[in-house]
Amino acid sequence: LGNVFYEASDRRMTQLKAQYAYILRALDRLDEAEEIYREVILALTEPAITDSIIVASVTNNLGYLLRLKERYDEAIDYYQISLDVHEGLYGINHPRTVMINNNLAVVNDLAGRTGRAESLLLESLKRTKANQPDDHWRVGSGHAALARFYSKNEMFHQADSMFTVAHQLYTRALGEDHEWTTGILNERARTLIAMNRSDEIKPLLSRVIQLTEARYGTDHDNIRNASEIMTQFVID
């Protein structure tokens, strides 16, 4: 009984340290957070408190912290560890696993490995489709992630196609006035500007403002973003 108590106590202390590191990261105290995350990972090598769920979480969080510090190669290593553990815990198609796969894609893109990033995002979409109905909002989010990747890398035709599909799926799953649905239209508007299709933008953004005001009122980020785009590009 004593061994069980100490094992539970050690595991709880490890969880509390991980939570404290998360708070430090949120406060932008990144060096302190990194030190504690590494202490937690070191502790997790001890058989008495090994916990795969904590490993999956802490390695993902440390990967994100290293991404913030622009240490992309190290971030990739920890995201990969987290992905491997998630696949073992939940399976390759679980939403948690797909989320980590997307995180790995983002940091590969930041590291300049665009081909690898695209492959990971396409794999995430494939995994989501294998686990969700065709019109599920998570499938829409998979298309949205690819759209953002293509837009960032100036592949605007691919981005526009993906934003369009994401908007269609969000409309079906969440409704045309949901904040994700209208938010995607704002993102698509910026892509249309890059494609010199400015004549399509004003009706698109006007629709964003109309739908958002009707559901959420006038004080909403989607309205502010739509208005900013209109002002920035002087759309009459």
Protein backbone atom coordinates (compact mmCIF):
# COMPACT_ATOMS: atom_id res chain seq x y z
CA LEU A 1 0.00 0.00 0.00
CA GLY A 2 2.87 2.35 0.82
CA ASN A 3 4.44 1.85 -2.61
CA VAL A 4 1.11 2.58 -4.28
CA PHE A 5 0.75 5.77 -2.24
CA TYR A 6 4.22 7.02 -3.13
CA GLU A 7 3.72 6.16 -6.79
CA ALA A 8 0.45 8.13 -6.85
CA SER A 9 2.06 10.98 -4.93
CA ASP A 10 5.02 11.18 -7.32
CA ARG A 11 2.73 11.11 -10.33
CA ARG A 12 0.60 13.91 -8.87
CA MET A 13 3.68 16.02 -8.17
CA THR A 14 4.83 15.51 -11.75
CA GLN A 15 1.42 16.62 -13.03
CA LEU A 16 1.53 19.73 -10.84
CA LYS A 17 4.99 20.63 -12.14
CA ALA A 18 3.77 20.24 -15.71
CA GLN A 19 0.80 22.50 -14.96
CA TYR A 20 3.08 25.10 -13.36
CA ALA A 21 5.32 25.06 -16.44
CA TYR A 22 2.24 25.62 -18.60
CA ILE A 23 1.33 28.69 -16.52
CA LEU A 24 4.88 30.05 -16.77
CA ARG A 25 4.77 29.64 -20.54
CA ALA A 26 1.48 31.52 -20.69
CA LEU A 27 3.14 34.32 -18.69
CA ASP A 28 5.95 34.40 -21.27
CA ARG A 29 8.49 33.13 -18.73
CA LEU A 30 9.79 30.72 -21.31
CA ASP A 31 13.21 29.87 -19.86
CA GLU A 32 11.71 28.93 -16.49
CA ALA A 33 8.99 26.90 -18.16
CA GLU A 34 11.51 25.04 -20.31
CA GLU A 35 13.60 24.14 -17.26
CA ILE A 36 10.59 22.66 -15.46
CA TYR A 37 9.36 20.79 -18.54
CA ARG A 38 12.79 19.18 -18.84
CA GLU A 39 12.73 18.25 -15.14
CA VAL A 40 9.35 16.60 -15.67
CA ILE A 41 10.56 14.67 -18.71
CA LEU A 42 13.62 13.51 -16.76
CA ALA A 43 11.40 12.37 -13.89
CA LEU A 44 9.20 10.44 -16.31
CA THR A 45 12.11 8.15 -17.12
CA GLU A 46 11.76 6.70 -13.61
CA PRO A 47 9.58 3.56 -13.71
CA ALA A 48 7.68 4.52 -10.55
CA ILE A 49 6.00 7.51 -12.17
CA THR A 50 6.05 6.72 -15.88
CA ASP A 51 2.77 7.92 -17.36
CA SER A 52 2.30 7.92 -21.12
CA ILE A 53 -0.49 10.51 -20.96
CA ILE A 54 1.79 12.96 -19.15
CA VAL A 55 4.62 12.21 -21.60
CA ALA A 56 2.29 12.91 -24.54
CA SER A 57 1.20 16.24 -23.05
CA VAL A 58 4.55 17.49 -21.78
CA THR A 59 6.49 16.72 -24.96
CA ASN A 60 3.82 18.51 -27.00
CA ASN A 61 3.94 21.53 -24.69
CA LEU A 62 7.74 21.62 -24.73
CA GLY A 63 7.62 21.39 -28.52
CA TYR A 64 5.35 24.44 -28.61
CA LEU A 65 7.60 26.35 -26.21
CA LEU A 66 10.67 25.60 -28.35
CA ARG A 67 8.70 26.70 -31.40
CA LEU A 68 8.04 30.04 -29.67
CA LYS A 69 11.79 30.31 -29.04
CA GLU A 70 12.40 29.58 -32.74
CA ARG A 71 14.39 26.44 -31.96
CA TYR A 72 12.55 24.54 -34.63
CA ASP A 73 14.70 21.41 -34.93
CA GLU A 74 14.36 20.72 -31.20
CA ALA A 75 10.63 21.45 -31.39
CA ILE A 76 10.27 18.92 -34.20
CA ASP A 77 11.98 16.26 -32.07
CA TYR A 78 9.60 16.75 -29.14
CA TYR A 79 6.50 16.97 -31.32
CA GLN A 80 7.57 13.70 -32.94
CA ILE A 81 7.89 12.04 -29.52
CA SER A 82 4.44 13.34 -28.59
CA LEU A 83 3.01 12.10 -31.88
CA ASP A 84 4.47 8.62 -31.39
CA VAL A 85 3.03 8.43 -27.87
CA HIS A 86 -0.37 9.73 -29.00
CA GLU A 87 -0.52 7.14 -31.76
CA GLY A 88 0.19 4.42 -29.21
CA LEU A 89 -2.38 5.72 -26.74
CA TYR A 90 -5.25 6.73 -29.00
CA GLY A 91 -4.56 5.41 -32.51
CA ILE A 92 -3.51 7.29 -35.63
CA ASN A 93 -6.95 8.71 -36.48
CA HIS A 94 -7.92 10.12 -33.07
CA PRO A 95 -8.48 13.92 -32.98
CA ARG A 96 -5.74 14.34 -30.36
CA THR A 97 -3.26 12.51 -32.58
CA VAL A 98 -4.28 14.57 -35.61
CA MET A 99 -3.79 17.77 -33.58
CA ILE A 100 -0.19 16.80 -32.76
CA ASN A 101 0.40 15.86 -36.39
CA ASN A 102 -0.77 19.37 -37.33
CA ASN A 103 1.57 20.89 -34.73
CA LEU A 104 4.43 18.96 -36.29
CA ALA A 105 3.41 20.28 -39.71
CA VAL A 106 3.40 23.90 -38.53
CA VAL A 107 6.89 23.73 -37.06
CA ASN A 108 8.24 21.97 -40.16
CA ASP A 109 6.82 24.82 -42.22
CA LEU A 110 8.49 27.37 -39.94
CA ALA A 111 11.76 25.47 -40.35
CA GLY A 112 11.47 25.83 -44.12
CA ARG A 113 10.52 22.20 -44.76
CA THR A 114 7.42 23.03 -46.76
CA GLY A 115 7.22 19.69 -48.54
CA ARG A 116 7.25 17.81 -45.25
CA ALA A 117 4.70 20.23 -43.78
CA GLU A 118 2.30 19.76 -46.69
CA SER A 119 2.61 15.97 -46.47
CA LEU A 120 1.78 16.05 -42.76
CA LEU A 121 -1.26 18.28 -43.28
CA LEU A 122 -2.55 16.07 -46.08
CA GLU A 123 -2.04 13.06 -43.82
CA SER A 124 -3.97 14.82 -41.04
CA LEU A 125 -6.88 15.45 -43.39
CA LYS A 126 -6.82 11.82 -44.52
CA ARG A 127 -6.85 10.61 -40.91
CA THR A 128 -9.70 12.94 -40.00
CA LYS A 129 -11.79 11.75 -42.94
CA ALA A 130 -11.19 8.16 -41.82
CA ASN A 131 -12.62 8.94 -38.37
CA GLN A 132 -15.38 11.49 -39.05
CA PRO A 133 -18.41 11.91 -41.34
CA ASP A 134 -17.66 13.74 -44.59
CA ASP A 135 -19.45 16.91 -43.45
CA HIS A 136 -18.01 17.04 -39.91
CA TRP A 137 -16.51 20.34 -38.77
CA ARG A 138 -13.18 18.60 -38.09
CA VAL A 139 -12.94 17.80 -41.81
CA GLY A 140 -13.54 21.50 -42.43
CA SER A 141 -10.72 22.33 -40.03
CA GLY A 142 -8.42 19.99 -41.93
CA HIS A 143 -9.11 21.93 -45.12
CA ALA A 144 -8.67 25.22 -43.25
CA ALA A 145 -5.24 24.15 -41.97
CA LEU A 146 -4.14 23.33 -45.51
CA ALA A 147 -5.59 26.63 -46.77
CA ARG A 148 -3.52 28.60 -44.24
CA PHE A 149 -0.40 26.67 -45.19
CA TYR A 150 -0.93 27.34 -48.90
CA SER A 151 -1.71 31.02 -48.29
CA LYS A 152 1.39 31.49 -46.12
CA ASN A 153 3.51 29.94 -48.85
CA GLU A 154 1.86 32.05 -51.59
CA MET A 155 0.11 29.12 -53.26
CA PHE A 156 -3.04 31.18 -53.49
CA HIS A 157 -5.11 29.11 -55.92
CA GLN A 158 -4.73 26.05 -53.70
CA ALA A 159 -5.47 28.19 -50.65
CA ASP A 160 -8.66 29.60 -52.17
CA SER A 161 -9.86 26.11 -53.05
CA MET A 162 -9.26 24.85 -49.52
CA PHE A 163 -10.83 27.93 -47.88
CA THR A 164 -13.91 27.43 -50.07
CA VAL A 165 -14.31 23.79 -49.03
CA ALA A 166 -13.70 24.65 -45.37
CA HIS A 167 -16.41 27.32 -45.54
CA GLN A 168 -18.87 24.90 -47.13
CA LEU A 169 -18.22 22.26 -44.47
CA TYR A 170 -18.42 24.74 -41.58
CA THR A 171 -21.71 26.05 -43.01
CA ARG A 172 -23.19 22.55 -43.07
CA ALA A 173 -21.86 21.49 -39.68
CA LEU A 174 -22.04 24.72 -37.66
CA GLY A 175 -24.29 27.12 -39.56
CA GLU A 176 -23.52 30.05 -41.83
CA ASP A 177 -23.45 32.53 -38.94
CA HIS A 178 -21.06 30.58 -36.68
CA GLU A 179 -17.89 32.52 -35.88
CA TRP A 180 -15.66 29.86 -37.46
CA THR A 181 -17.71 29.98 -40.66
CA THR A 182 -17.53 33.75 -40.99
CA GLY A 183 -13.93 33.80 -39.79
CA ILE A 184 -12.93 31.60 -42.72
CA LEU A 185 -14.45 34.17 -45.08
CA ASN A 186 -12.16 36.83 -43.62
CA GLU A 187 -9.16 34.59 -44.25
CA ARG A 188 -10.33 33.85 -47.77
CA ALA A 189 -10.71 37.58 -48.43
CA ARG A 190 -6.99 38.13 -47.83
CA THR A 191 -6.21 35.35 -50.29
CA LEU A 192 -8.52 36.90 -52.89
CA ILE A 193 -6.67 40.20 -52.51
CA ALA A 194 -3.38 38.44 -53.19
CA MET A 195 -5.00 36.97 -56.32
CA ASN A 196 -6.14 40.43 -57.50
CA ARG A 197 -9.80 39.44 -57.21
CA SER A 198 -10.72 42.57 -55.27
CA ASP A 199 -14.21 42.83 -56.80
CA GLU A 200 -15.26 39.73 -54.82
CA ILE A 201 -14.09 41.03 -51.47
CA LYS A 202 -16.61 43.72 -50.51
CA PRO A 203 -19.69 41.44 -50.78
CA LEU A 204 -17.80 38.72 -48.92
CA LEU A 205 -16.85 40.98 -46.02
CA SER A 206 -20.25 42.65 -45.94
CA ARG A 207 -21.75 39.20 -45.48
CA VAL A 208 -19.32 38.50 -42.62
CA ILE A 209 -20.38 41.69 -40.85
CA GLN A 210 -24.10 41.09 -41.43
CA LEU A 211 -24.07 37.49 -40.18
CA THR A 212 -21.80 38.20 -37.21
CA GLU A 213 -23.81 41.21 -36.02
CA ALA A 214 -27.03 39.20 -36.21
CA ARG A 215 -25.68 36.43 -34.00
CA TYR A 216 -23.02 37.99 -31.77
CA GLY A 217 -23.62 41.74 -31.84
CA THR A 218 -21.26 44.44 -33.05
CA ASP A 219 -18.40 43.72 -30.63
CA HIS A 220 -16.74 40.71 -32.26
CA ASP A 221 -13.29 40.01 -33.70
CA ASN A 222 -14.71 38.87 -37.04
CA ILE A 223 -16.34 42.28 -37.53
CA ARG A 224 -13.17 44.09 -36.53
CA ASN A 225 -11.10 41.93 -38.89
CA ALA A 226 -13.52 42.42 -41.79
CA SER A 227 -13.55 46.18 -41.24
CA GLU A 228 -9.75 46.25 -41.04
CA ILE A 229 -9.44 44.42 -44.36
CA MET A 230 -11.89 46.84 -45.98
CA THR A 231 -10.02 49.84 -44.62
CA GLN A 232 -6.56 48.48 -45.36
CA PHE A 233 -7.30 47.82 -49.00
CA VAL A 234 -9.58 50.86 -49.49
CA ILE A 235 -12.52 48.93 -50.85
CA ASP A 236 -15.28 51.30 -51.96
